[in-house]
Structure formats: C-alpha cells, structure tokens
Amino acid sequence: MNDYEKLEAVHCAIQEALNGNSIELEQALILVEKLREPHLKENTLMEKINNAIEGELSAYSEYKDDIGDVDSFDDGILEGRKEFAEELWNLINKEERR
C-alpha cells in the first residue's frame, strides 16, 4: 500500500466514524503511525549528526588518495575533519550500545 492509498484509507475511516461507524479507526491510526514514522526518524538529532558524520567521512574517502603526506594547509584541514568525524562516530556508537 503506497502513501496515497494509506491516506485514502484514513480519509475513509474518518468519514465512516463521522457517520457513526468507528470500526475502521484503529486501522486508520496504524496507517497514520506508519506515515509519520519516517518523518520522525529523519528529524532526530542523532540522525542529523550521523548524516553529517557520514558526509565528512565520505568527503575524506573521495580525496584521501590526493592527500599523501599532508603537505598543504587544505590537506591538513581535511585530515583533521576526518579524525574528528571518526572520533565523534565512535563516541556515538559507544553511547548507542549502552
């Protein structure tokens, strides 16, 4: 069932409830929860942090062959960002396992 079909089912259940038939409301609530879930997960602070860290590590992996021995300011900055992202990533994973 796609999102539009879920919304149609919820719409129908509400109309039925307004007409005195509330049998479909429980199923409608389940559908609403399924529609909400991805949006709630996307907006959590941890999810945003994880996405940012993944972006940092991805950026590093794209350029790591060009970095060499870190002989320029820009390469040093990129190397530092990678180290910070890895440490933060490890800290978050450690906290999530608790």
N, C-alpha and C. Protein backbone atom coordinates (compact mmCIF):
# COMPACT_ATOMS: atom_id res chain seq x y z
N MET A 1 0.85 -1.18 0.00
CA MET A 1 0.00 0.00 0.00
C MET A 1 0.90 1.24 0.00
N ASN A 2 0.75 2.09 -1.00
CA ASN A 2 1.57 3.31 -1.05
C ASN A 2 0.99 4.39 -0.14
N ASP A 3 1.70 5.49 0.00
CA ASP A 3 1.27 6.56 0.92
C ASP A 3 -0.09 7.13 0.54
N TYR A 4 -0.33 7.29 -0.75
CA TYR A 4 -1.62 7.84 -1.17
C TYR A 4 -2.76 6.90 -0.76
N GLU A 5 -2.56 5.61 -0.95
CA GLU A 5 -3.59 4.64 -0.57
C GLU A 5 -3.81 4.64 0.94
N LYS A 6 -2.75 4.82 1.70
CA LYS A 6 -2.89 4.92 3.15
C LYS A 6 -3.72 6.14 3.53
N LEU A 7 -3.43 7.27 2.88
CA LEU A 7 -4.21 8.49 3.16
C LEU A 7 -5.67 8.31 2.79
N GLU A 8 -5.93 7.65 1.69
CA GLU A 8 -7.32 7.38 1.28
C GLU A 8 -8.04 6.52 2.31
N ALA A 9 -7.34 5.50 2.84
CA ALA A 9 -7.93 4.63 3.85
C ALA A 9 -8.24 5.41 5.13
N VAL A 10 -7.32 6.29 5.52
CA VAL A 10 -7.55 7.12 6.71
C VAL A 10 -8.73 8.06 6.48
N HIS A 11 -8.77 8.67 5.32
CA HIS A 11 -9.88 9.56 4.95
C HIS A 11 -11.22 8.83 5.04
N CYS A 12 -11.24 7.64 4.49
CA CYS A 12 -12.47 6.84 4.50
C CYS A 12 -12.88 6.48 5.94
N ALA A 13 -11.90 6.11 6.77
CA ALA A 13 -12.19 5.74 8.16
C ALA A 13 -12.75 6.92 8.93
N ILE A 14 -12.22 8.10 8.68
CA ILE A 14 -12.73 9.30 9.36
C ILE A 14 -14.16 9.60 8.92
N GLN A 15 -14.41 9.49 7.62
CA GLN A 15 -15.78 9.70 7.13
C GLN A 15 -16.75 8.70 7.74
N GLU A 16 -16.32 7.44 7.82
CA GLU A 16 -17.17 6.41 8.43
C GLU A 16 -17.43 6.71 9.90
N ALA A 17 -16.39 7.17 10.61
CA ALA A 17 -16.55 7.50 12.03
C ALA A 17 -17.53 8.65 12.22
N LEU A 18 -17.47 9.63 11.32
CA LEU A 18 -18.40 10.75 11.39
C LEU A 18 -19.84 10.29 11.15
N ASN A 19 -19.98 9.20 10.43
CA ASN A 19 -21.31 8.62 10.17
C ASN A 19 -21.71 7.60 11.23
N GLY A 20 -20.91 7.48 12.30
CA GLY A 20 -21.26 6.60 13.40
C GLY A 20 -20.61 5.23 13.35
N ASN A 21 -19.79 4.95 12.36
CA ASN A 21 -19.15 3.65 12.24
C ASN A 21 -17.66 3.81 12.51
N SER A 22 -17.22 3.53 13.72
CA SER A 22 -15.83 3.77 14.11
C SER A 22 -14.95 2.52 14.03
N ILE A 23 -15.42 1.49 13.40
CA ILE A 23 -14.68 0.23 13.33
C ILE A 23 -13.32 0.40 12.65
N GLU A 24 -13.23 1.20 11.62
CA GLU A 24 -12.00 1.34 10.85
C GLU A 24 -11.00 2.33 11.47
N LEU A 25 -11.36 2.99 12.55
CA LEU A 25 -10.46 3.98 13.14
C LEU A 25 -9.15 3.39 13.67
N GLU A 26 -9.21 2.20 14.25
CA GLU A 26 -7.99 1.58 14.77
C GLU A 26 -7.00 1.31 13.64
N GLN A 27 -7.49 0.78 12.53
CA GLN A 27 -6.61 0.54 11.38
C GLN A 27 -6.09 1.87 10.81
N ALA A 28 -6.93 2.88 10.82
CA ALA A 28 -6.51 4.20 10.32
C ALA A 28 -5.38 4.76 11.19
N LEU A 29 -5.46 4.57 12.48
CA LEU A 29 -4.41 5.05 13.38
C LEU A 29 -3.08 4.34 13.08
N ILE A 30 -3.13 3.06 12.81
CA ILE A 30 -1.92 2.31 12.45
C ILE A 30 -1.32 2.88 11.17
N LEU A 31 -2.15 3.19 10.19
CA LEU A 31 -1.67 3.76 8.93
C LEU A 31 -1.04 5.14 9.14
N VAL A 32 -1.65 5.94 9.99
CA VAL A 32 -1.09 7.27 10.28
C VAL A 32 0.27 7.13 10.95
N GLU A 33 0.41 6.18 11.86
CA GLU A 33 1.70 5.97 12.52
C GLU A 33 2.76 5.55 11.51
N LYS A 34 2.40 4.71 10.55
CA LYS A 34 3.34 4.30 9.51
C LYS A 34 3.74 5.47 8.63
N LEU A 35 2.81 6.38 8.37
CA LEU A 35 3.11 7.56 7.57
C LEU A 35 4.01 8.54 8.32
N ARG A 36 3.84 8.63 9.63
CA ARG A 36 4.62 9.56 10.45
C ARG A 36 6.04 9.08 10.72
N GLU A 37 6.21 7.78 10.85
CA GLU A 37 7.48 7.21 11.32
C GLU A 37 8.71 7.71 10.56
N PRO A 38 8.73 7.68 9.24
CA PRO A 38 9.94 8.15 8.55
C PRO A 38 10.28 9.61 8.84
N HIS A 39 9.27 10.42 9.02
CA HIS A 39 9.48 11.84 9.28
C HIS A 39 10.03 12.06 10.70
N LEU A 40 9.59 11.25 11.63
CA LEU A 40 10.10 11.38 13.00
C LEU A 40 11.56 10.95 13.06
N LYS A 41 11.92 9.88 12.36
CA LYS A 41 13.29 9.41 12.36
C LYS A 41 14.22 10.41 11.69
N GLU A 42 13.78 11.02 10.61
CA GLU A 42 14.61 11.97 9.88
C GLU A 42 14.97 13.18 10.72
N ASN A 43 14.12 13.52 11.66
CA ASN A 43 14.30 14.77 12.38
C ASN A 43 14.98 14.62 13.73
N THR A 44 15.41 13.40 14.07
CA THR A 44 16.08 13.25 15.36
C THR A 44 17.47 13.84 15.29
N LEU A 45 17.92 14.35 16.38
CA LEU A 45 19.25 14.96 16.45
C LEU A 45 20.33 13.94 16.10
N MET A 46 20.21 12.75 16.63
CA MET A 46 21.22 11.72 16.35
C MET A 46 21.27 11.40 14.87
N GLU A 47 20.14 11.35 14.22
CA GLU A 47 20.10 11.07 12.78
C GLU A 47 20.80 12.19 12.00
N LYS A 48 20.57 13.42 12.40
CA LYS A 48 21.22 14.55 11.74
C LYS A 48 22.73 14.50 11.94
N ILE A 49 23.15 14.16 13.15
CA ILE A 49 24.58 14.06 13.44
C ILE A 49 25.20 12.93 12.64
N ASN A 50 24.54 11.78 12.62
CA ASN A 50 25.06 10.65 11.85
C ASN A 50 25.18 10.99 10.38
N ASN A 51 24.19 11.67 9.83
CA ASN A 51 24.26 12.07 8.42
C ASN A 51 25.42 13.01 8.16
N ALA A 52 25.66 13.94 9.08
CA ALA A 52 26.77 14.88 8.92
C ALA A 52 28.11 14.15 8.97
N ILE A 53 28.24 13.21 9.89
CA ILE A 53 29.48 12.45 10.01
C ILE A 53 29.71 11.60 8.76
N GLU A 54 28.66 10.95 8.29
CA GLU A 54 28.78 10.15 7.07
C GLU A 54 29.26 11.03 5.91
N GLY A 55 28.77 12.26 5.85
CA GLY A 55 29.18 13.18 4.80
C GLY A 55 30.66 13.53 4.91
N GLU A 56 31.13 13.77 6.14
CA GLU A 56 32.54 14.08 6.36
C GLU A 56 33.43 12.91 5.95
N LEU A 57 33.06 11.71 6.39
CA LEU A 57 33.87 10.54 6.06
C LEU A 57 33.83 10.23 4.57
N SER A 58 32.70 10.47 3.96
CA SER A 58 32.59 10.27 2.51
C SER A 58 33.46 11.26 1.76
N ALA A 59 33.44 12.51 2.20
CA ALA A 59 34.28 13.53 1.55
C ALA A 59 35.75 13.16 1.67
N TYR A 60 36.13 12.66 2.84
CA TYR A 60 37.53 12.26 3.03
C TYR A 60 37.89 11.11 2.09
N SER A 61 37.01 10.11 2.00
CA SER A 61 37.33 8.94 1.17
C SER A 61 37.46 9.33 -0.30
N GLU A 62 36.76 10.38 -0.72
CA GLU A 62 36.86 10.83 -2.11
C GLU A 62 38.22 11.45 -2.40
N TYR A 63 38.85 12.07 -1.40
CA TYR A 63 40.09 12.81 -1.62
C TYR A 63 41.32 12.18 -0.97
N LYS A 64 41.16 11.07 -0.26
CA LYS A 64 42.29 10.54 0.51
C LYS A 64 43.49 10.17 -0.35
N ASP A 65 43.27 9.75 -1.59
CA ASP A 65 44.40 9.41 -2.46
C ASP A 65 45.21 10.64 -2.85
N ASP A 66 44.57 11.80 -2.81
CA ASP A 66 45.25 13.04 -3.17
C ASP A 66 45.98 13.69 -2.00
N ILE A 67 45.71 13.22 -0.79
CA ILE A 67 46.26 13.87 0.40
C ILE A 67 47.74 13.56 0.59
N GLY A 68 48.13 12.33 0.43
CA GLY A 68 49.54 11.97 0.59
C GLY A 68 50.03 12.17 2.01
N ASP A 69 51.07 12.94 2.16
CA ASP A 69 51.70 13.14 3.47
C ASP A 69 51.24 14.41 4.16
N VAL A 70 50.12 14.95 3.79
CA VAL A 70 49.56 16.15 4.39
C VAL A 70 50.59 17.28 4.33
N ASP A 71 50.86 17.71 3.11
CA ASP A 71 51.88 18.75 2.95
C ASP A 71 51.29 20.11 2.60
N SER A 72 49.97 20.23 2.69
CA SER A 72 49.39 21.54 2.45
C SER A 72 48.35 21.84 3.53
N PHE A 73 48.01 23.10 3.66
CA PHE A 73 47.03 23.52 4.66
C PHE A 73 45.68 22.86 4.43
N ASP A 74 45.20 22.86 3.18
CA ASP A 74 43.89 22.26 2.86
C ASP A 74 43.87 20.77 3.16
N ASP A 75 44.95 20.07 2.83
CA ASP A 75 45.02 18.65 3.12
C ASP A 75 44.99 18.40 4.62
N GLY A 76 45.67 19.25 5.38
CA GLY A 76 45.68 19.13 6.83
C GLY A 76 44.30 19.34 7.43
N ILE A 77 43.58 20.31 6.89
CA ILE A 77 42.21 20.57 7.36
C ILE A 77 41.33 19.35 7.09
N LEU A 78 41.43 18.80 5.90
CA LEU A 78 40.62 17.63 5.54
C LEU A 78 40.96 16.45 6.44
N GLU A 79 42.24 16.26 6.71
CA GLU A 79 42.67 15.16 7.59
C GLU A 79 42.12 15.36 9.00
N GLY A 80 42.15 16.59 9.48
CA GLY A 80 41.60 16.89 10.81
C GLY A 80 40.10 16.67 10.89
N ARG A 81 39.39 17.05 9.85
CA ARG A 81 37.93 16.84 9.81
C ARG A 81 37.61 15.34 9.85
N LYS A 82 38.43 14.56 9.14
CA LYS A 82 38.23 13.11 9.13
C LYS A 82 38.45 12.53 10.52
N GLU A 83 39.53 12.95 11.18
CA GLU A 83 39.81 12.44 12.52
C GLU A 83 38.71 12.81 13.51
N PHE A 84 38.24 14.03 13.42
CA PHE A 84 37.15 14.48 14.30
C PHE A 84 35.89 13.66 14.05
N ALA A 85 35.55 13.47 12.78
CA ALA A 85 34.34 12.71 12.43
C ALA A 85 34.43 11.27 12.93
N GLU A 86 35.60 10.66 12.79
CA GLU A 86 35.77 9.28 13.25
C GLU A 86 35.61 9.18 14.76
N GLU A 87 36.20 10.11 15.49
CA GLU A 87 36.10 10.08 16.94
C GLU A 87 34.66 10.31 17.41
N LEU A 88 33.99 11.25 16.78
CA LEU A 88 32.60 11.50 17.12
C LEU A 88 31.73 10.30 16.79
N TRP A 89 31.98 9.69 15.65
CA TRP A 89 31.26 8.48 15.22
C TRP A 89 31.43 7.38 16.27
N ASN A 90 32.67 7.16 16.72
CA ASN A 90 32.94 6.13 17.72
C ASN A 90 32.23 6.44 19.03
N LEU A 91 32.22 7.68 19.45
CA LEU A 91 31.56 8.08 20.68
C LEU A 91 30.05 7.83 20.60
N ILE A 92 29.44 8.19 19.48
CA ILE A 92 28.00 7.98 19.31
C ILE A 92 27.68 6.49 19.33
N ASN A 93 28.46 5.69 18.61
CA ASN A 93 28.21 4.25 18.60
C ASN A 93 28.36 3.64 19.99
N LYS A 94 29.32 4.12 20.76
CA LYS A 94 29.51 3.64 22.13
C LYS A 94 28.28 3.98 22.99
N GLU A 95 27.76 5.21 22.85
CA GLU A 95 26.58 5.63 23.63
C GLU A 95 25.33 4.83 23.21
N GLU A 96 25.19 4.55 21.93
CA GLU A 96 24.01 3.82 21.46
C GLU A 96 24.00 2.38 21.94
N ARG A 97 25.15 1.82 22.21
CA ARG A 97 25.23 0.42 22.69
C ARG A 97 24.88 0.30 24.16
N ARG A 98 24.85 1.39 24.89
CA ARG A 98 24.53 1.36 26.34
C ARG A 98 23.12 0.95 26.59
